[in-house]
C-alpha cells in the first residue's frame, strides 16, 4: 500500500502550491494530495520549510 503523505508527495504538493501563489498550509497540502494525517503532513512540511530556508541562504545574490 502506497503512503499518501510521503515526504516526496508533500514536498511536491507544497512546491506546486507556491508556484500557484497559494500558501502551502498543512490543510492545503492535504487537499492537494488527497489525504494524509495532520501530524505526518506537518512533520514533512517542517522538513520542507527547513530545506527551502537552507536553499535560500546558499543561493548567491544576482548582481544588478
Protein backbone atom coordinates (compact mmCIF):
# COMPACT_ATOMS: atom_id res chain seq x y z
CA UNK A 1 0.00 0.00 0.00
CA UNK A 2 1.33 3.40 -1.02
CA UNK A 3 1.73 6.07 1.66
CA UNK A 4 -0.41 9.08 0.72
CA UNK A 5 1.62 11.65 2.63
CA UNK A 6 5.18 10.64 1.84
CA UNK A 7 7.88 13.29 2.16
CA UNK A 8 8.20 13.47 -1.62
CA UNK A 9 4.45 13.83 -2.16
CA UNK A 10 4.16 16.56 0.47
CA UNK A 11 7.13 18.47 -0.96
CA UNK A 12 5.80 18.24 -4.49
CA UNK A 13 2.37 19.49 -3.42
CA UNK A 14 3.87 22.34 -1.39
CA UNK A 15 6.06 23.39 -4.33
CA UNK A 16 3.10 23.38 -6.71
CA UNK A 17 1.08 25.49 -4.28
CA UNK A 18 3.92 28.03 -4.06
CA UNK A 19 4.09 28.25 -7.85
CA UNK A 20 0.32 28.79 -7.94
CA UNK A 21 0.67 31.60 -5.40
CA UNK A 22 -1.14 29.68 -2.66
CA UNK A 23 0.19 29.48 0.91
CA UNK A 24 1.31 25.86 1.35
CA UNK A 25 -0.52 25.21 4.61
CA UNK A 26 -0.98 21.74 6.06
CA UNK A 27 -4.66 21.73 5.08
CA UNK A 28 -3.91 22.96 1.54
CA UNK A 29 -1.31 20.22 1.09
CA UNK A 30 -3.72 17.59 2.44
CA UNK A 31 -6.33 18.72 -0.09
CA UNK A 32 -3.79 18.66 -2.91
CA UNK A 33 -2.59 15.10 -2.16
CA UNK A 34 -5.99 13.75 -1.21
CA UNK A 35 -5.38 12.99 2.47
CA UNK A 36 -2.67 12.20 4.92
CA UNK A 37 -2.67 12.60 8.66
CA UNK A 38 -2.21 16.08 10.07
CA UNK A 39 0.84 15.04 12.09
CA UNK A 40 2.56 13.35 9.16
CA UNK A 41 1.95 16.25 6.78
CA UNK A 42 3.06 18.71 9.48
CA UNK A 43 6.32 16.79 10.02
CA UNK A 44 7.08 16.72 6.29
CA UNK A 45 6.11 20.38 5.86
CA UNK A 46 8.57 21.34 8.61
CA UNK A 47 11.36 19.48 6.82
CA UNK A 48 10.34 21.04 3.50
CA UNK A 49 10.43 24.55 5.03
CA UNK A 50 13.87 23.92 6.56
CA UNK A 51 15.19 22.72 3.20
CA UNK A 52 13.80 25.81 1.43
CA UNK A 53 15.42 28.06 4.03
CA UNK A 54 18.79 26.34 3.56
CA UNK A 55 18.50 26.67 -0.23
CA UNK A 56 17.60 30.35 0.03
CA UNK A 57 20.72 31.02 2.11
CA UNK A 58 23.02 29.04 -0.19
CA UNK A 59 21.93 30.76 -3.42
CA UNK A 60 24.26 33.67 -4.23
CA UNK A 61 22.68 37.05 -4.93
CA UNK A 62 22.46 38.02 -8.59
CA UNK A 63 24.23 41.31 -9.25
CA UNK A 64 22.11 44.13 -10.66
